[in-house]
């Protein structure tokens, strides 16, 4: 995931969301959560996970 400011400059160069890189991952959704002390995001996807062959995962 990459995060940019309003001018298009990168705030976060690159951040891995899914820790499982093997198999398929699909249907990603990203939502911004209410700001309390900075930007917070919730990422949801379907696919393979650590120890699972299929499921819905969040981070």
Protein backbone atom coordinates (compact mmCIF):
# COMPACT_ATOMS: atom_id res chain seq x y z
CA UNK A 1 0.00 0.00 0.00
CA UNK A 2 1.20 3.51 -0.77
CA UNK A 3 -0.08 6.63 1.01
CA UNK A 4 0.09 10.08 -0.58
CA UNK A 5 -0.56 13.60 0.70
CA UNK A 6 -2.82 16.13 -1.02
CA UNK A 7 -0.04 17.24 -3.39
CA UNK A 8 0.68 13.68 -4.52
CA UNK A 9 3.93 13.26 -2.57
CA UNK A 10 4.43 9.84 -0.98
CA UNK A 11 3.93 9.75 2.80
CA UNK A 12 4.46 5.99 3.08
CA UNK A 13 6.69 4.66 0.33
CA UNK A 14 5.50 1.06 0.58
CA UNK A 15 3.84 -0.99 3.28
CA UNK A 16 2.89 -4.67 3.00
CA UNK A 17 -0.61 -5.40 4.20
CA UNK A 18 -0.96 -9.11 3.53
CA UNK A 19 1.69 -11.24 5.23
CA UNK A 20 0.87 -14.31 3.09
CA UNK A 21 2.43 -13.91 -0.35
CA UNK A 22 1.67 -17.39 -1.73
CA UNK A 23 -1.65 -18.28 -3.35
CA UNK A 24 -4.35 -15.92 -4.48
CA UNK A 25 -5.72 -12.83 -2.79
CA UNK A 26 -8.72 -11.00 -4.26
CA UNK A 27 -11.52 -8.48 -3.61
CA UNK A 28 -9.42 -5.93 -1.70
CA UNK A 29 -11.26 -3.08 0.01
CA UNK A 30 -9.62 -0.13 1.78
CA UNK A 31 -11.46 2.26 4.05
CA UNK A 32 -10.15 5.22 6.03
CA UNK A 33 -11.11 5.16 9.69
CA UNK A 34 -11.90 8.22 11.77
CA UNK A 35 -8.82 10.32 12.48
CA UNK A 36 -7.83 10.32 16.13
CA UNK A 37 -4.07 10.68 16.11
CA UNK A 38 -3.20 10.23 12.44
CA UNK A 39 -4.39 8.36 9.39
CA UNK A 40 -5.76 4.90 10.05
CA UNK A 41 -6.92 2.45 7.43
CA UNK A 42 -8.66 -0.90 7.42
CA UNK A 43 -7.89 -3.30 4.57
CA UNK A 44 -10.14 -6.32 3.92
CA UNK A 45 -9.50 -9.05 1.34
CA UNK A 46 -10.39 -12.62 0.45
CA UNK A 47 -7.82 -15.30 -0.22
CA UNK A 48 -5.22 -17.51 1.38
CA UNK A 49 -3.92 -16.66 4.83
CA UNK A 50 -1.34 -17.91 7.27
CA UNK A 51 -2.51 -21.46 7.97
CA UNK A 52 -5.75 -21.10 6.01
CA UNK A 53 -6.60 -22.15 2.45
CA UNK A 54 -9.36 -19.53 2.04
CA UNK A 55 -11.06 -16.86 4.09
CA UNK A 56 -11.69 -13.17 4.65
CA UNK A 57 -8.86 -11.25 6.29
CA UNK A 58 -8.36 -7.76 7.71
CA UNK A 59 -5.46 -5.65 8.81
